[in-house]
Amino acid sequence: MLIERYLGEQQILDEQLAAEYQQLIEQLDASMSDYLGVLDRAFSPDLEVALLGSVELALEFGVAAGEVLDSDAKVLAYFLD
């Protein structure tokens, strides 16, 4: 009686944890896919794609939008001032 109830509760808990684990794995896969896409763009041999990808990568890593060198004026000011 008590053992059967315990086993039933353990099975329910196991199923819940397995479902949560699967959700986390799916979220991780999606995040990694997005990250690798941004990384590919940031290091693309196509200069225009690489520049836009670098901006996107900086924003993904939490660089404040105002600090990202995303225009000619910002790049010149950063390197020449």
N, C-alpha and C. Protein backbone atom coordinates (compact mmCIF):
# COMPACT_ATOMS: atom_id res chain seq x y z
N MET A 1 0.81 -1.18 0.00
CA MET A 1 0.00 0.00 0.00
C MET A 1 0.87 1.27 0.00
N LEU A 2 1.64 1.44 1.04
CA LEU A 2 2.49 2.62 1.15
C LEU A 2 3.57 2.61 0.07
N ILE A 3 4.15 1.44 -0.15
CA ILE A 3 5.21 1.32 -1.16
C ILE A 3 4.63 1.54 -2.56
N GLU A 4 3.46 1.00 -2.82
CA GLU A 4 2.82 1.20 -4.13
C GLU A 4 2.55 2.68 -4.37
N ARG A 5 2.05 3.37 -3.35
CA ARG A 5 1.79 4.81 -3.49
C ARG A 5 3.10 5.56 -3.75
N TYR A 6 4.13 5.19 -3.01
CA TYR A 6 5.44 5.82 -3.19
C TYR A 6 5.95 5.60 -4.61
N LEU A 7 5.86 4.37 -5.10
CA LEU A 7 6.32 4.06 -6.45
C LEU A 7 5.51 4.84 -7.50
N GLY A 8 4.22 4.96 -7.28
CA GLY A 8 3.37 5.73 -8.20
C GLY A 8 3.76 7.19 -8.22
N GLU A 9 4.01 7.76 -7.04
CA GLU A 9 4.43 9.16 -6.97
C GLU A 9 5.80 9.36 -7.61
N GLN A 10 6.69 8.40 -7.43
CA GLN A 10 8.02 8.49 -8.04
C GLN A 10 7.93 8.42 -9.56
N GLN A 11 7.02 7.58 -10.06
CA GLN A 11 6.85 7.47 -11.50
C GLN A 11 6.30 8.78 -12.08
N ILE A 12 5.34 9.38 -11.40
CA ILE A 12 4.78 10.66 -11.84
C ILE A 12 5.87 11.73 -11.83
N LEU A 13 6.64 11.78 -10.76
CA LEU A 13 7.73 12.74 -10.66
C LEU A 13 8.76 12.51 -11.77
N ASP A 14 9.08 11.26 -12.03
CA ASP A 14 10.03 10.92 -13.10
C ASP A 14 9.52 11.42 -14.45
N GLU A 15 8.25 11.24 -14.73
CA GLU A 15 7.67 11.70 -15.99
C GLU A 15 7.70 13.22 -16.09
N GLN A 16 7.39 13.90 -14.99
CA GLN A 16 7.43 15.37 -14.98
C GLN A 16 8.85 15.87 -15.23
N LEU A 17 9.81 15.27 -14.54
CA LEU A 17 11.20 15.69 -14.71
C LEU A 17 11.71 15.39 -16.12
N ALA A 18 11.30 14.28 -16.69
CA ALA A 18 11.71 13.94 -18.05
C ALA A 18 11.14 14.96 -19.04
N ALA A 19 9.90 15.38 -18.83
CA ALA A 19 9.29 16.38 -19.72
C ALA A 19 10.00 17.73 -19.58
N GLU A 20 10.30 18.13 -18.35
CA GLU A 20 11.02 19.39 -18.12
C GLU A 20 12.42 19.33 -18.74
N TYR A 21 13.08 18.20 -18.58
CA TYR A 21 14.41 18.02 -19.15
C TYR A 21 14.36 18.14 -20.67
N GLN A 22 13.38 17.52 -21.29
CA GLN A 22 13.25 17.59 -22.74
C GLN A 22 13.01 19.02 -23.21
N GLN A 23 12.20 19.78 -22.47
CA GLN A 23 11.97 21.19 -22.81
C GLN A 23 13.27 21.98 -22.73
N LEU A 24 14.04 21.74 -21.69
CA LEU A 24 15.31 22.45 -21.53
C LEU A 24 16.29 22.10 -22.65
N ILE A 25 16.32 20.84 -23.04
CA ILE A 25 17.19 20.42 -24.14
C ILE A 25 16.77 21.10 -25.44
N GLU A 26 15.47 21.19 -25.69
CA GLU A 26 14.98 21.85 -26.90
C GLU A 26 15.31 23.34 -26.88
N GLN A 27 15.18 23.99 -25.73
CA GLN A 27 15.54 25.40 -25.62
C GLN A 27 17.03 25.60 -25.85
N LEU A 28 17.83 24.72 -25.29
CA LEU A 28 19.28 24.80 -25.47
C LEU A 28 19.66 24.61 -26.94
N ASP A 29 19.03 23.65 -27.60
CA ASP A 29 19.30 23.43 -29.03
C ASP A 29 18.95 24.67 -29.84
N ALA A 30 17.81 25.28 -29.56
CA ALA A 30 17.39 26.48 -30.29
C ALA A 30 18.36 27.63 -30.03
N SER A 31 18.76 27.80 -28.78
CA SER A 31 19.69 28.88 -28.43
C SER A 31 21.04 28.67 -29.10
N MET A 32 21.53 27.45 -29.09
CA MET A 32 22.82 27.16 -29.73
C MET A 32 22.75 27.38 -31.22
N SER A 33 21.64 27.00 -31.82
CA SER A 33 21.47 27.20 -33.26
C SER A 33 21.49 28.69 -33.59
N ASP A 34 20.77 29.49 -32.80
CA ASP A 34 20.76 30.94 -33.00
C ASP A 34 22.16 31.52 -32.82
N TYR A 35 22.84 31.11 -31.75
CA TYR A 35 24.18 31.61 -31.46
C TYR A 35 25.16 31.27 -32.58
N LEU A 36 25.12 30.03 -33.04
CA LEU A 36 26.04 29.62 -34.11
C LEU A 36 25.75 30.37 -35.40
N GLY A 37 24.48 30.68 -35.66
CA GLY A 37 24.13 31.48 -36.83
C GLY A 37 24.72 32.88 -36.74
N VAL A 38 24.60 33.50 -35.57
CA VAL A 38 25.17 34.84 -35.36
C VAL A 38 26.69 34.78 -35.50
N LEU A 39 27.29 33.77 -34.93
CA LEU A 39 28.75 33.61 -35.01
C LEU A 39 29.21 33.42 -36.45
N ASP A 40 28.48 32.62 -37.21
CA ASP A 40 28.82 32.43 -38.63
C ASP A 40 28.77 33.74 -39.39
N ARG A 41 27.74 34.53 -39.12
CA ARG A 41 27.62 35.82 -39.81
C ARG A 41 28.74 36.77 -39.38
N ALA A 42 29.08 36.78 -38.10
CA ALA A 42 30.11 37.70 -37.60
C ALA A 42 31.48 37.41 -38.20
N PHE A 43 31.72 36.16 -38.55
CA PHE A 43 33.03 35.79 -39.09
C PHE A 43 32.95 35.34 -40.55
N SER A 44 31.96 35.86 -41.24
CA SER A 44 31.77 35.54 -42.66
C SER A 44 32.89 36.15 -43.49
N PRO A 45 33.30 35.47 -44.57
CA PRO A 45 34.29 36.07 -45.47
C PRO A 45 33.72 37.26 -46.25
N ASP A 46 32.40 37.34 -46.33
CA ASP A 46 31.74 38.49 -46.97
C ASP A 46 31.78 39.65 -45.98
N LEU A 47 32.50 40.70 -46.30
CA LEU A 47 32.74 41.80 -45.37
C LEU A 47 31.45 42.44 -44.87
N GLU A 48 30.50 42.67 -45.76
CA GLU A 48 29.25 43.30 -45.34
C GLU A 48 28.49 42.42 -44.36
N VAL A 49 28.43 41.13 -44.66
CA VAL A 49 27.77 40.17 -43.75
C VAL A 49 28.50 40.13 -42.41
N ALA A 50 29.83 40.13 -42.46
CA ALA A 50 30.63 40.08 -41.23
C ALA A 50 30.42 41.32 -40.37
N LEU A 51 30.35 42.48 -40.99
CA LEU A 51 30.14 43.70 -40.21
C LEU A 51 28.77 43.70 -39.53
N LEU A 52 27.75 43.33 -40.28
CA LEU A 52 26.41 43.26 -39.68
C LEU A 52 26.36 42.16 -38.62
N GLY A 53 27.03 41.04 -38.88
CA GLY A 53 27.08 39.96 -37.90
C GLY A 53 27.82 40.35 -36.64
N SER A 54 28.86 41.16 -36.78
CA SER A 54 29.60 41.63 -35.61
C SER A 54 28.74 42.53 -34.73
N VAL A 55 27.94 43.37 -35.37
CA VAL A 55 27.01 44.22 -34.62
C VAL A 55 26.01 43.35 -33.88
N GLU A 56 25.45 42.38 -34.59
CA GLU A 56 24.47 41.47 -33.99
C GLU A 56 25.09 40.70 -32.83
N LEU A 57 26.32 40.23 -33.00
CA LEU A 57 27.01 39.48 -31.96
C LEU A 57 27.25 40.35 -30.72
N ALA A 58 27.67 41.59 -30.94
CA ALA A 58 27.89 42.50 -29.81
C ALA A 58 26.59 42.72 -29.03
N LEU A 59 25.50 42.91 -29.74
CA LEU A 59 24.21 43.11 -29.07
C LEU A 59 23.78 41.86 -28.32
N GLU A 60 24.03 40.69 -28.91
CA GLU A 60 23.69 39.42 -28.24
C GLU A 60 24.47 39.26 -26.94
N PHE A 61 25.70 39.76 -26.90
CA PHE A 61 26.53 39.65 -25.70
C PHE A 61 26.28 40.77 -24.70
N GLY A 62 25.30 41.62 -24.99
CA GLY A 62 24.90 42.63 -24.02
C GLY A 62 25.60 43.96 -24.12
N VAL A 63 26.33 44.19 -25.20
CA VAL A 63 26.94 45.51 -25.38
C VAL A 63 25.81 46.51 -25.60
N ALA A 64 25.87 47.63 -24.89
CA ALA A 64 24.83 48.65 -25.03
C ALA A 64 24.78 49.13 -26.47
N ALA A 65 23.57 49.31 -26.98
CA ALA A 65 23.38 49.70 -28.38
C ALA A 65 24.15 50.97 -28.73
N GLY A 66 24.25 51.90 -27.80
CA GLY A 66 24.97 53.14 -28.05
C GLY A 66 26.48 52.96 -28.16
N GLU A 67 26.99 51.84 -27.66
CA GLU A 67 28.43 51.58 -27.70
C GLU A 67 28.86 50.72 -28.88
N VAL A 68 27.89 50.19 -29.62
CA VAL A 68 28.20 49.33 -30.76
C VAL A 68 28.62 50.19 -31.94
N LEU A 69 29.71 49.83 -32.57
CA LEU A 69 30.21 50.57 -33.73
C LEU A 69 29.43 50.13 -34.97
N ASP A 70 28.25 50.71 -35.13
CA ASP A 70 27.35 50.27 -36.19
C ASP A 70 27.16 51.31 -37.30
N SER A 71 28.01 52.31 -37.32
CA SER A 71 27.93 53.31 -38.40
C SER A 71 29.33 53.83 -38.70
N ASP A 72 29.48 54.40 -39.88
CA ASP A 72 30.78 54.97 -40.26
C ASP A 72 31.21 56.04 -39.25
N ALA A 73 30.27 56.87 -38.83
CA ALA A 73 30.59 57.95 -37.91
C ALA A 73 31.11 57.41 -36.58
N LYS A 74 30.47 56.35 -36.06
CA LYS A 74 30.91 55.77 -34.79
C LYS A 74 32.29 55.12 -34.93
N VAL A 75 32.52 54.45 -36.04
CA VAL A 75 33.82 53.80 -36.26
C VAL A 75 34.92 54.85 -36.34
N LEU A 76 34.69 55.89 -37.12
CA LEU A 76 35.70 56.95 -37.26
C LEU A 76 35.96 57.64 -35.92
N ALA A 77 34.89 57.93 -35.20
CA ALA A 77 35.05 58.59 -33.90
C ALA A 77 35.83 57.70 -32.94
N TYR A 78 35.55 56.41 -32.94
CA TYR A 78 36.22 55.49 -32.04
C TYR A 78 37.72 55.39 -32.33
N PHE A 79 38.07 55.27 -33.60
CA PHE A 79 39.47 55.05 -33.95
C PHE A 79 40.27 56.33 -34.16
N LEU A 80 39.61 57.44 -34.46
CA LEU A 80 40.36 58.65 -34.77
C LEU A 80 40.30 59.72 -33.69
N ASP A 81 39.35 59.63 -32.79
CA ASP A 81 39.25 60.65 -31.73
C ASP A 81 40.01 60.23 -30.49
